[in-house]
Structure formats: C-alpha cells, structure tokens
PDB file of N, CA and C in Angstrom:
ATOM      1  N   TRP A   1      16.961 -29.301  -1.068  1.00  0.00           N
ATOM      2  CA  TRP A   1      16.965 -28.014  -1.747  1.00  0.00           C
ATOM      3  C   TRP A   1      17.350 -26.906  -0.776  1.00  0.00           C
ATOM      4  N   LEU A   2      16.873 -26.961   0.435  1.00  0.00           N
ATOM      5  CA  LEU A   2      17.101 -25.862   1.356  1.00  0.00           C
ATOM      6  C   LEU A   2      18.362 -26.011   2.200  1.00  0.00           C
ATOM      7  N   SER A   3      19.157 -27.028   1.965  1.00  0.00           N
ATOM      8  CA  SER A   3      20.402 -27.150   2.722  1.00  0.00           C
ATOM      9  C   SER A   3      21.530 -26.462   1.954  1.00  0.00           C
ATOM     10  N   ARG A   4      22.585 -26.144   2.660  1.00  0.00           N
ATOM     11  CA  ARG A   4      23.728 -25.502   2.013  1.00  0.00           C
ATOM     12  C   ARG A   4      24.757 -26.513   1.545  1.00  0.00           C
ATOM     13  N   SER A   5      24.523 -27.782   1.803  1.00  0.00           N
ATOM     14  CA  SER A   5      25.468 -28.796   1.361  1.00  0.00           C
ATOM     15  C   SER A   5      25.147 -29.204  -0.074  1.00  0.00           C
ATOM     16  N   TYR A   6      26.176 -29.554  -0.800  1.00  0.00           N
ATOM     17  CA  TYR A   6      26.026 -29.916  -2.198  1.00  0.00           C
ATOM     18  C   TYR A   6      26.293 -31.404  -2.369  1.00  0.00           C
ATOM     19  N   ALA A   7      25.553 -32.026  -3.247  1.00  0.00           N
ATOM     20  CA  ALA A   7      25.739 -33.446  -3.541  1.00  0.00           C
ATOM     21  C   ALA A   7      25.490 -33.647  -5.025  1.00  0.00           C
ATOM     22  N   PRO A   8      26.176 -34.598  -5.627  1.00  0.00           N
ATOM     23  CA  PRO A   8      25.932 -34.871  -7.048  1.00  0.00           C
ATOM     24  C   PRO A   8      24.484 -35.310  -7.274  1.00  0.00           C
ATOM     25  N   SER A   9      23.891 -34.819  -8.339  1.00  0.00           N
ATOM     26  CA  SER A   9      22.508 -35.158  -8.679  1.00  0.00           C
ATOM     27  C   SER A   9      22.399 -35.366 -10.171  1.00  0.00           C
ATOM     28  N   ARG A  10      21.493 -36.236 -10.559  1.00  0.00           N
ATOM     29  CA  ARG A  10      21.245 -36.443 -11.988  1.00  0.00           C
ATOM     30  C   ARG A  10      20.326 -35.339 -12.493  1.00  0.00           C
ATOM     31  N   LEU A  11      20.520 -34.980 -13.750  1.00  0.00           N
ATOM     32  CA  LEU A  11      19.708 -33.942 -14.364  1.00  0.00           C
ATOM     33  C   LEU A  11      18.225 -34.307 -14.322  1.00  0.00           C
ATOM     34  N   SER A  12      17.904 -35.557 -14.541  1.00  0.00           N
ATOM     35  CA  SER A  12      16.498 -35.981 -14.526  1.00  0.00           C
ATOM     36  C   SER A  12      15.876 -35.780 -13.140  1.00  0.00           C
ATOM     37  N   ASP A  13      16.648 -36.031 -12.077  1.00  0.00           N
ATOM     38  CA  ASP A  13      16.140 -35.811 -10.716  1.00  0.00           C
ATOM     39  C   ASP A  13      15.905 -34.326 -10.457  1.00  0.00           C
ATOM     40  N   LEU A  14      16.850 -33.497 -10.907  1.00  0.00           N
ATOM     41  CA  LEU A  14      16.698 -32.046 -10.736  1.00  0.00           C
ATOM     42  C   LEU A  14      15.490 -31.525 -11.504  1.00  0.00           C
ATOM     43  N   LYS A  15      15.322 -31.984 -12.746  1.00  0.00           N
ATOM     44  CA  LYS A  15      14.174 -31.550 -13.551  1.00  0.00           C
ATOM     45  C   LYS A  15      12.868 -31.930 -12.879  1.00  0.00           C
ATOM     46  N   SER A  16      12.804 -33.125 -12.342  1.00  0.00           N
ATOM     47  CA  SER A  16      11.601 -33.598 -11.668  1.00  0.00           C
ATOM     48  C   SER A  16      11.300 -32.750 -10.439  1.00  0.00           C
ATOM     49  N   PHE A  17      12.331 -32.473  -9.631  1.00  0.00           N
ATOM     50  CA  PHE A  17      12.136 -31.668  -8.430  1.00  0.00           C
ATOM     51  C   PHE A  17      11.724 -30.247  -8.781  1.00  0.00           C
ATOM     52  N   ILE A  18      12.430 -29.639  -9.723  1.00  0.00           N
ATOM     53  CA  ILE A  18      12.116 -28.265 -10.110  1.00  0.00           C
ATOM     54  C   ILE A  18      10.717 -28.186 -10.714  1.00  0.00           C
ATOM     55  N   SER A  19      10.336 -29.174 -11.505  1.00  0.00           N
ATOM     56  CA  SER A  19       8.987 -29.196 -12.086  1.00  0.00           C
ATOM     57  C   SER A  19       7.918 -29.221 -11.009  1.00  0.00           C
ATOM     58  N   SER A  20       8.110 -30.041  -9.991  1.00  0.00           N
ATOM     59  CA  SER A  20       7.101 -30.124  -8.928  1.00  0.00           C
ATOM     60  C   SER A  20       7.037 -28.836  -8.123  1.00  0.00           C
ATOM     61  N   ARG A  21       8.189 -28.227  -7.844  1.00  0.00           N
ATOM     62  CA  ARG A  21       8.194 -26.952  -7.102  1.00  0.00           C
ATOM     63  C   ARG A  21       7.627 -25.825  -7.959  1.00  0.00           C
ATOM     64  N   LEU A  22       7.929 -25.824  -9.260  1.00  0.00           N
ATOM     65  CA  LEU A  22       7.368 -24.806 -10.160  1.00  0.00           C
ATOM     66  C   LEU A  22       5.853 -24.926 -10.228  1.00  0.00           C
ATOM     67  N   ARG A  23       5.347 -26.146 -10.223  1.00  0.00           N
ATOM     68  CA  ARG A  23       3.897 -26.359 -10.243  1.00  0.00           C
ATOM     69  C   ARG A  23       3.259 -25.716  -9.009  1.00  0.00           C
ATOM     70  N   ALA A  24       3.850 -25.933  -7.842  1.00  0.00           N
ATOM     71  CA  ALA A  24       3.341 -25.316  -6.613  1.00  0.00           C
ATOM     72  C   ALA A  24       3.464 -23.798  -6.686  1.00  0.00           C
ATOM     73  N   PHE A  25       4.576 -23.308  -7.236  1.00  0.00           N
ATOM     74  CA  PHE A  25       4.796 -21.861  -7.357  1.00  0.00           C
ATOM     75  C   PHE A  25       3.746 -21.213  -8.240  1.00  0.00           C
ATOM     76  N   TYR A  26       3.501 -21.783  -9.424  1.00  0.00           N
ATOM     77  CA  TYR A  26       2.542 -21.119 -10.301  1.00  0.00           C
ATOM     78  C   TYR A  26       1.119 -21.283  -9.817  1.00  0.00           C
ATOM     79  N   GLU A  27       0.825 -22.326  -9.043  1.00  0.00           N
ATOM     80  CA  GLU A  27      -0.510 -22.448  -8.470  1.00  0.00           C
ATOM     81  C   GLU A  27      -0.736 -21.407  -7.380  1.00  0.00           C
ATOM     82  N   GLU A  28       0.305 -21.106  -6.605  1.00  0.00           N
ATOM     83  CA  GLU A  28       0.190 -20.134  -5.518  1.00  0.00           C
ATOM     84  C   GLU A  28       0.389 -18.695  -5.973  1.00  0.00           C
ATOM     85  N   GLU A  29       1.259 -18.484  -6.939  1.00  0.00           N
ATOM     86  CA  GLU A  29       1.678 -17.119  -7.270  1.00  0.00           C
ATOM     87  C   GLU A  29       1.244 -16.614  -8.645  1.00  0.00           C
ATOM     88  N   LEU A  30       1.238 -17.460  -9.670  1.00  0.00           N
ATOM     89  CA  LEU A  30       1.140 -16.957 -11.034  1.00  0.00           C
ATOM     90  C   LEU A  30      -0.117 -17.316 -11.801  1.00  0.00           C
ATOM     91  N   ASP A  31      -0.594 -18.524 -11.663  1.00  0.00           N
ATOM     92  CA  ASP A  31      -1.661 -19.073 -12.504  1.00  0.00           C
ATOM     93  C   ASP A  31      -1.233 -19.172 -13.965  1.00  0.00           C
ATOM     94  N   VAL A  32       0.060 -19.327 -14.194  1.00  0.00           N
ATOM     95  CA  VAL A  32       0.603 -19.511 -15.542  1.00  0.00           C
ATOM     96  C   VAL A  32       1.552 -20.699 -15.497  1.00  0.00           C
ATOM     97  N   PRO A  33       1.238 -21.789 -16.194  1.00  0.00           N
ATOM     98  CA  PRO A  33       2.137 -22.944 -16.155  1.00  0.00           C
ATOM     99  C   PRO A  33       3.461 -22.651 -16.851  1.00  0.00           C
ATOM    100  N   LEU A  34       4.529 -23.180 -16.292  1.00  0.00           N
ATOM    101  CA  LEU A  34       5.865 -22.978 -16.843  1.00  0.00           C
ATOM    102  C   LEU A  34       6.437 -24.314 -17.295  1.00  0.00           C
ATOM    103  N   VAL A  35       7.275 -24.274 -18.314  1.00  0.00           N
ATOM    104  CA  VAL A  35       7.868 -25.484 -18.881  1.00  0.00           C
ATOM    105  C   VAL A  35       9.314 -25.582 -18.413  1.00  0.00           C
ATOM    106  N   VAL A  36       9.724 -26.778 -18.010  1.00  0.00           N
ATOM    107  CA  VAL A  36      11.099 -26.998 -17.547  1.00  0.00           C
ATOM    108  C   VAL A  36      11.871 -27.744 -18.623  1.00  0.00           C
ATOM    109  N   PHE A  37      12.983 -27.177 -19.032  1.00  0.00           N
ATOM    110  CA  PHE A  37      13.900 -27.852 -19.953  1.00  0.00           C
ATOM    111  C   PHE A  37      15.311 -27.657 -19.406  1.00  0.00           C
ATOM    112  N   ASP A  38      16.300 -28.238 -20.031  1.00  0.00           N
ATOM    113  CA  ASP A  38      17.658 -28.274 -19.482  1.00  0.00           C
ATOM    114  C   ASP A  38      18.202 -26.889 -19.144  1.00  0.00           C
ATOM    115  N   ASP A  39      17.984 -25.901 -20.006  1.00  0.00           N
ATOM    116  CA  ASP A  39      18.482 -24.552 -19.735  1.00  0.00           C
ATOM    117  C   ASP A  39      17.808 -23.940 -18.520  1.00  0.00           C
ATOM    118  N   VAL A  40      16.551 -24.248 -18.292  1.00  0.00           N
ATOM    119  CA  VAL A  40      15.845 -23.732 -17.113  1.00  0.00           C
ATOM    120  C   VAL A  40      16.517 -24.262 -15.850  1.00  0.00           C
ATOM    121  N   VAL A  41      16.824 -25.541 -15.826  1.00  0.00           N
ATOM    122  CA  VAL A  41      17.492 -26.135 -14.664  1.00  0.00           C
ATOM    123  C   VAL A  41      18.831 -25.446 -14.428  1.00  0.00           C
ATOM    124  N   ASP A  42      19.578 -25.223 -15.483  1.00  0.00           N
ATOM    125  CA  ASP A  42      20.876 -24.559 -15.380  1.00  0.00           C
ATOM    126  C   ASP A  42      20.722 -23.155 -14.801  1.00  0.00           C
ATOM    127  N   HIS A  43      19.758 -22.395 -15.301  1.00  0.00           N
ATOM    128  CA  HIS A  43      19.542 -21.029 -14.809  1.00  0.00           C
ATOM    129  C   HIS A  43      19.061 -21.029 -13.364  1.00  0.00           C
ATOM    130  N   VAL A  44      18.172 -21.939 -13.016  1.00  0.00           N
ATOM    131  CA  VAL A  44      17.684 -22.023 -11.628  1.00  0.00           C
ATOM    132  C   VAL A  44      18.852 -22.301 -10.683  1.00  0.00           C
ATOM    133  N   LEU A  45      19.746 -23.200 -11.054  1.00  0.00           N
ATOM    134  CA  LEU A  45      20.894 -23.508 -10.201  1.00  0.00           C
ATOM    135  C   LEU A  45      21.833 -22.314 -10.064  1.00  0.00           C
ATOM    136  N   ARG A  46      22.032 -21.581 -11.139  1.00  0.00           N
ATOM    137  CA  ARG A  46      22.894 -20.391 -11.071  1.00  0.00           C
ATOM    138  C   ARG A  46      22.269 -19.311 -10.203  1.00  0.00           C
ATOM    139  N   ILE A  47      20.987 -19.057 -10.405  1.00  0.00           N
ATOM    140  CA  ILE A  47      20.289 -18.043  -9.616  1.00  0.00           C
ATOM    141  C   ILE A  47      20.302 -18.441  -8.147  1.00  0.00           C
ATOM    142  N   ASP A  48      20.062 -19.713  -7.861  1.00  0.00           N
ATOM    143  CA  ASP A  48      20.068 -20.204  -6.488  1.00  0.00           C
ATOM    144  C   ASP A  48      21.427 -19.985  -5.834  1.00  0.00           C
ATOM    145  N   ALA A  49      22.493 -20.279  -6.547  1.00  0.00           N
ATOM    146  CA  ALA A  49      23.846 -20.103  -5.992  1.00  0.00           C
ATOM    147  C   ALA A  49      24.104 -18.638  -5.649  1.00  0.00           C
ATOM    148  N   VAL A  50      23.669 -17.727  -6.503  1.00  0.00           N
ATOM    149  CA  VAL A  50      23.891 -16.298  -6.253  1.00  0.00           C
ATOM    150  C   VAL A  50      23.039 -15.819  -5.083  1.00  0.00           C
ATOM    151  N   LEU A  51      21.757 -16.162  -5.070  1.00  0.00           N
ATOM    152  CA  LEU A  51      20.880 -15.682  -4.008  1.00  0.00           C
ATOM    153  C   LEU A  51      21.229 -16.274  -2.645  1.00  0.00           C
ATOM    154  N   ARG A  52      21.837 -17.443  -2.621  1.00  0.00           N
ATOM    155  CA  ARG A  52      22.241 -18.055  -1.353  1.00  0.00           C
ATOM    156  C   ARG A  52      23.536 -17.445  -0.818  1.00  0.00           C
ATOM    157  N   SER A  53      24.313 -16.813  -1.677  1.00  0.00           N
ATOM    158  CA  SER A  53      25.565 -16.224  -1.214  1.00  0.00           C
ATOM    159  C   SER A  53      25.267 -15.005  -0.342  1.00  0.00           C
ATOM    160  N   GLU A  54      26.215 -14.699   0.525  1.00  0.00           N
ATOM    161  CA  GLU A  54      26.019 -13.564   1.413  1.00  0.00           C
ATOM    162  C   GLU A  54      25.900 -12.288   0.588  1.00  0.00           C
ATOM    163  N   SER A  55      24.871 -11.535   0.833  1.00  0.00           N
ATOM    164  CA  SER A  55      24.516 -10.315   0.094  1.00  0.00           C
ATOM    165  C   SER A  55      24.500 -10.561  -1.416  1.00  0.00           C
ATOM    166  N   GLY A  56      23.943 -11.696  -1.817  1.00  0.00           N
ATOM    167  CA  GLY A  56      23.852 -12.031  -3.237  1.00  0.00           C
ATOM    168  C   GLY A  56      22.866 -11.129  -3.959  1.00  0.00           C
ATOM    169  N   HIS A  57      23.225 -10.722  -5.145  1.00  0.00           N
ATOM    170  CA  HIS A  57      22.362  -9.868  -5.950  1.00  0.00           C
ATOM    171  C   HIS A  57      22.605 -10.181  -7.419  1.00  0.00           C
ATOM    172  N   LEU A  58      21.601  -9.881  -8.231  1.00  0.00           N
ATOM    173  CA  LEU A  58      21.666 -10.186  -9.660  1.00  0.00           C
ATOM    174  C   LEU A  58      21.276  -8.970 -10.478  1.00  0.00           C
ATOM    175  N   LEU A  59      21.856  -8.866 -11.635  1.00  0.00           N
ATOM    176  CA  LEU A  59      21.415  -7.929 -12.657  1.00  0.00           C
ATOM    177  C   LEU A  59      21.003  -8.797 -13.833  1.00  0.00           C
ATOM    178  N   LEU A  60      19.706  -8.820 -14.114  1.00  0.00           N
ATOM    179  CA  LEU A  60      19.185  -9.677 -15.185  1.00  0.00           C
ATOM    180  C   LEU A  60      19.176  -8.902 -16.487  1.00  0.00           C
ATOM    181  N   VAL A  61      19.893  -9.415 -17.467  1.00  0.00           N
ATOM    182  CA  VAL A  61      20.017  -8.749 -18.755  1.00  0.00           C
ATOM    183  C   VAL A  61      19.622  -9.736 -19.848  1.00  0.00           C
ATOM    184  N   GLY A  62      18.834  -9.269 -20.805  1.00  0.00           N
ATOM    185  CA  GLY A  62      18.460 -10.125 -21.920  1.00  0.00           C
ATOM    186  C   GLY A  62      17.133  -9.697 -22.509  1.00  0.00           C
ATOM    187  N   GLU A  63      16.699 -10.447 -23.488  1.00  0.00           N
ATOM    188  CA  GLU A  63      15.434 -10.146 -24.152  1.00  0.00           C
ATOM    189  C   GLU A  63      14.279 -10.236 -23.165  1.00  0.00           C
ATOM    190  N   SER A  64      13.271  -9.402 -23.374  1.00  0.00           N
ATOM    191  CA  SER A  64      12.108  -9.457 -22.497  1.00  0.00           C
ATOM    192  C   SER A  64      11.252 -10.670 -22.848  1.00  0.00           C
ATOM    193  N   GLY A  65      10.599 -11.200 -21.833  1.00  0.00           N
ATOM    194  CA  GLY A  65       9.679 -12.301 -22.044  1.00  0.00           C
ATOM    195  C   GLY A  65      10.294 -13.685 -22.082  1.00  0.00           C
ATOM    196  N   VAL A  66      11.559 -13.821 -21.694  1.00  0.00           N
ATOM    197  CA  VAL A  66      12.187 -15.140 -21.735  1.00  0.00           C
ATOM    198  C   VAL A  66      12.217 -15.832 -20.373  1.00  0.00           C
ATOM    199  N   GLY A  67      11.751 -15.167 -19.317  1.00  0.00           N
ATOM    200  CA  GLY A  67      11.611 -15.805 -18.019  1.00  0.00           C
ATOM    201  C   GLY A  67      12.642 -15.452 -16.973  1.00  0.00           C
ATOM    202  N   LYS A  68      13.436 -14.423 -17.199  1.00  0.00           N
ATOM    203  CA  LYS A  68      14.468 -14.050 -16.229  1.00  0.00           C
ATOM    204  C   LYS A  68      13.853 -13.724 -14.873  1.00  0.00           C
ATOM    205  N   SER A  69      12.880 -12.850 -14.868  1.00  0.00           N
ATOM    206  CA  SER A  69      12.256 -12.422 -13.613  1.00  0.00           C
ATOM    207  C   SER A  69      11.472 -13.542 -12.956  1.00  0.00           C
ATOM    208  N   ILE A  70      10.748 -14.306 -13.739  1.00  0.00           N
ATOM    209  CA  ILE A  70       9.942 -15.393 -13.181  1.00  0.00           C
ATOM    210  C   ILE A  70      10.831 -16.428 -12.497  1.00  0.00           C
ATOM    211  N   LEU A  71      11.929 -16.815 -13.145  1.00  0.00           N
ATOM    212  CA  LEU A  71      12.823 -17.797 -12.533  1.00  0.00           C
ATOM    213  C   LEU A  71      13.458 -17.252 -11.256  1.00  0.00           C
ATOM    214  N   THR A  72      13.814 -15.977 -11.250  1.00  0.00           N
ATOM    215  CA  THR A  72      14.388 -15.371 -10.054  1.00  0.00           C
ATOM    216  C   THR A  72      13.357 -15.323  -8.933  1.00  0.00           C
ATOM    217  N   LYS A  73      12.123 -14.950  -9.259  1.00  0.00           N
ATOM    218  CA  LYS A  73      11.052 -14.946  -8.256  1.00  0.00           C
ATOM    219  C   LYS A  73      10.791 -16.352  -7.734  1.00  0.00           C
ATOM    220  N   PHE A  74      10.864 -17.339  -8.628  1.00  0.00           N
ATOM    221  CA  PHE A  74      10.659 -18.724  -8.224  1.00  0.00           C
ATOM    222  C   PHE A  74      11.728 -19.162  -7.228  1.00  0.00           C
ATOM    223  N   VAL A  75      12.992 -18.901  -7.534  1.00  0.00           N
ATOM    224  CA  VAL A  75      14.080 -19.318  -6.646  1.00  0.00           C
ATOM    225  C   VAL A  75      13.969 -18.595  -5.305  1.00  0.00           C
ATOM    226  N   ALA A  76      13.662 -17.294  -5.325  1.00  0.00           N
ATOM    227  CA  ALA A  76      13.492 -16.551  -4.078  1.00  0.00           C
ATOM    228  C   ALA A  76      12.332 -17.133  -3.267  1.00  0.00           C
ATOM    229  N   TRP A  77      11.215 -17.406  -3.925  1.00  0.00           N
ATOM    230  CA  TRP A  77      10.050 -17.998  -3.258  1.00  0.00           C
ATOM    231  C   TRP A  77      10.404 -19.354  -2.663  1.00  0.00           C
ATOM    232  N   ASN A  78      11.121 -20.144  -3.410  1.00  0.00           N
ATOM    233  CA  ASN A  78      11.488 -21.488  -2.968  1.00  0.00           C
ATOM    234  C   ASN A  78      12.404 -21.455  -1.748  1.00  0.00           C
ATOM    235  N   ASN A  79      13.222 -20.431  -1.628  1.00  0.00           N
ATOM    236  CA  ASN A  79      14.145 -20.302  -0.506  1.00  0.00           C
ATOM    237  C   ASN A  79      13.611 -19.403   0.600  1.00  0.00           C
ATOM    238  N   GLY A  80      12.391 -18.891   0.443  1.00  0.00           N
ATOM    239  CA  GLY A  80      11.802 -18.023   1.464  1.00  0.00           C
ATOM    240  C   GLY A  80      12.481 -16.675   1.565  1.00  0.00           C
ATOM    241  N   LEU A  81      12.959 -16.163   0.437  1.00  0.00           N
ATOM    242  CA  LEU A  81      13.666 -14.878   0.414  1.00  0.00           C
ATOM    243  C   LEU A  81      12.757 -13.772  -0.103  1.00  0.00           C
ATOM    244  N   ALA A  82      13.017 -12.557   0.354  1.00  0.00           N
ATOM    245  CA  ALA A  82      12.322 -11.386  -0.177  1.00  0.00           C
ATOM    246  C   ALA A  82      13.076 -10.905  -1.408  1.00  0.00           C
ATOM    247  N   LEU A  83      12.336 -10.441  -2.385  1.00  0.00           N
ATOM    248  CA  LEU A  83      12.930  -9.987  -3.638  1.00  0.00           C
ATOM    249  C   LEU A  83      12.576  -8.521  -3.838  1.00  0.00           C
ATOM    250  N   HIS A  84      13.572  -7.719  -4.170  1.00  0.00           N
ATOM    251  CA  HIS A  84      13.356  -6.300  -4.426  1.00  0.00           C
ATOM    252  C   HIS A  84      13.767  -6.000  -5.859  1.00  0.00           C
ATOM    253  N   GLU A  85      12.882  -5.335  -6.589  1.00  0.00           N
ATOM    254  CA  GLU A  85      13.146  -5.027  -7.989  1.00  0.00           C
ATOM    255  C   GLU A  85      13.215  -3.516  -8.185  1.00  0.00           C
ATOM    256  N   VAL A  86      14.132  -3.102  -9.016  1.00  0.00           N
ATOM    257  CA  VAL A  86      14.229  -1.710  -9.418  1.00  0.00           C
ATOM    258  C   VAL A  86      13.647  -1.623 -10.818  1.00  0.00           C
ATOM    259  N   GLN A  87      12.664  -0.782 -11.000  1.00  0.00           N
ATOM    260  CA  GLN A  87      12.046  -0.585 -12.301  1.00  0.00           C
ATOM    261  C   GLN A  87      12.641   0.662 -12.944  1.00  0.00           C
ATOM    262  N   ALA A  88      13.494   0.469 -13.908  1.00  0.00           N
ATOM    263  CA  ALA A  88      14.113   1.587 -14.592  1.00  0.00           C
ATOM    264  C   ALA A  88      13.280   1.966 -15.815  1.00  0.00           C
ATOM    265  N   THR A  89      12.994   3.239 -15.946  1.00  0.00           N
ATOM    266  CA  THR A  89      12.277   3.781 -17.104  1.00  0.00           C
ATOM    267  C   THR A  89      13.083   4.929 -17.680  1.00  0.00           C
ATOM    268  N   ARG A  90      12.581   5.506 -18.732  1.00  0.00           N
ATOM    269  CA  ARG A  90      13.284   6.665 -19.316  1.00  0.00           C
ATOM    270  C   ARG A  90      13.362   7.833 -18.345  1.00  0.00           C
ATOM    271  N   ALA A  91      12.401   7.935 -17.444  1.00  0.00           N
ATOM    272  CA  ALA A  91      12.378   9.023 -16.485  1.00  0.00           C
ATOM    273  C   ALA A  91      13.109   8.673 -15.182  1.00  0.00           C
ATOM    274  N   TYR A  92      13.804   7.534 -15.129  1.00  0.00           N
ATOM    275  CA  TYR A  92      14.491   7.076 -13.929  1.00  0.00           C
ATOM    276  C   TYR A  92      15.649   7.998 -13.600  1.00  0.00           C
ATOM    277  N   THR A  93      15.727   8.413 -12.335  1.00  0.00           N
ATOM    278  CA  THR A  93      16.854   9.231 -11.873  1.00  0.00           C
ATOM    279  C   THR A  93      17.363   8.659 -10.559  1.00  0.00           C
ATOM    280  N   LEU A  94      18.504   9.091 -10.123  1.00  0.00           N
ATOM    281  CA  LEU A  94      19.074   8.637  -8.865  1.00  0.00           C
ATOM    282  C   LEU A  94      18.492   9.369  -7.671  1.00  0.00           C
ATOM    283  N   ALA A  95      17.839  10.473  -7.894  1.00  0.00           N
ATOM    284  CA  ALA A  95      17.293  11.274  -6.790  1.00  0.00           C
ATOM    285  C   ALA A  95      15.991  10.717  -6.281  1.00  0.00           C
TER     286      ALA A  95
END
C-alpha cells in the first residue's frame, strides 16, 4: 500500500485489505464502523492516486453524508499525510 509501484490486484484482495485498514482507522479515529463495497474501493484508489501525486489536492463535490470526507481522511491517515479542510459557509470571504 505504501509503495509507489503498481501491480495488478484482484478486487477481492483490495476489498480485504481496505476493510482491515478501515477497521483500524475507525477504531483509532472514528468509533463508527464503515462498510466496504466496490464503489468504495474505486473511490479509495482514486483518492490515493491524487493524494500521492506531487502537490495533490481534491475538491469533494456531492451529496452530504455519503462518505467523501471520511474516505479522504482514511486515505490520508493510511499514507501518514496531513489533511487540511476549508469550511465554506454563507459568511465565507477571501479576506
């Protein structure tokens, strides 16, 4: 997981690995169990690819409560990265 080299992997192996790491993540960070399904694996791999890139950054867009932030925090935690969030509200300004 922590190497930069890529190798073919079966979806079942990825699901198993991500499930075990998610279990450790929610025990240490959240106290909320998370469910892994095929789309979760796909999103984790995409987020991982972006965060591993030089000066990688994401703009998460979508319905609230679907796990965008949690998955991003999980991938950052798994890679030992710091995560910075901007909280935009109606009163948000650039100043």
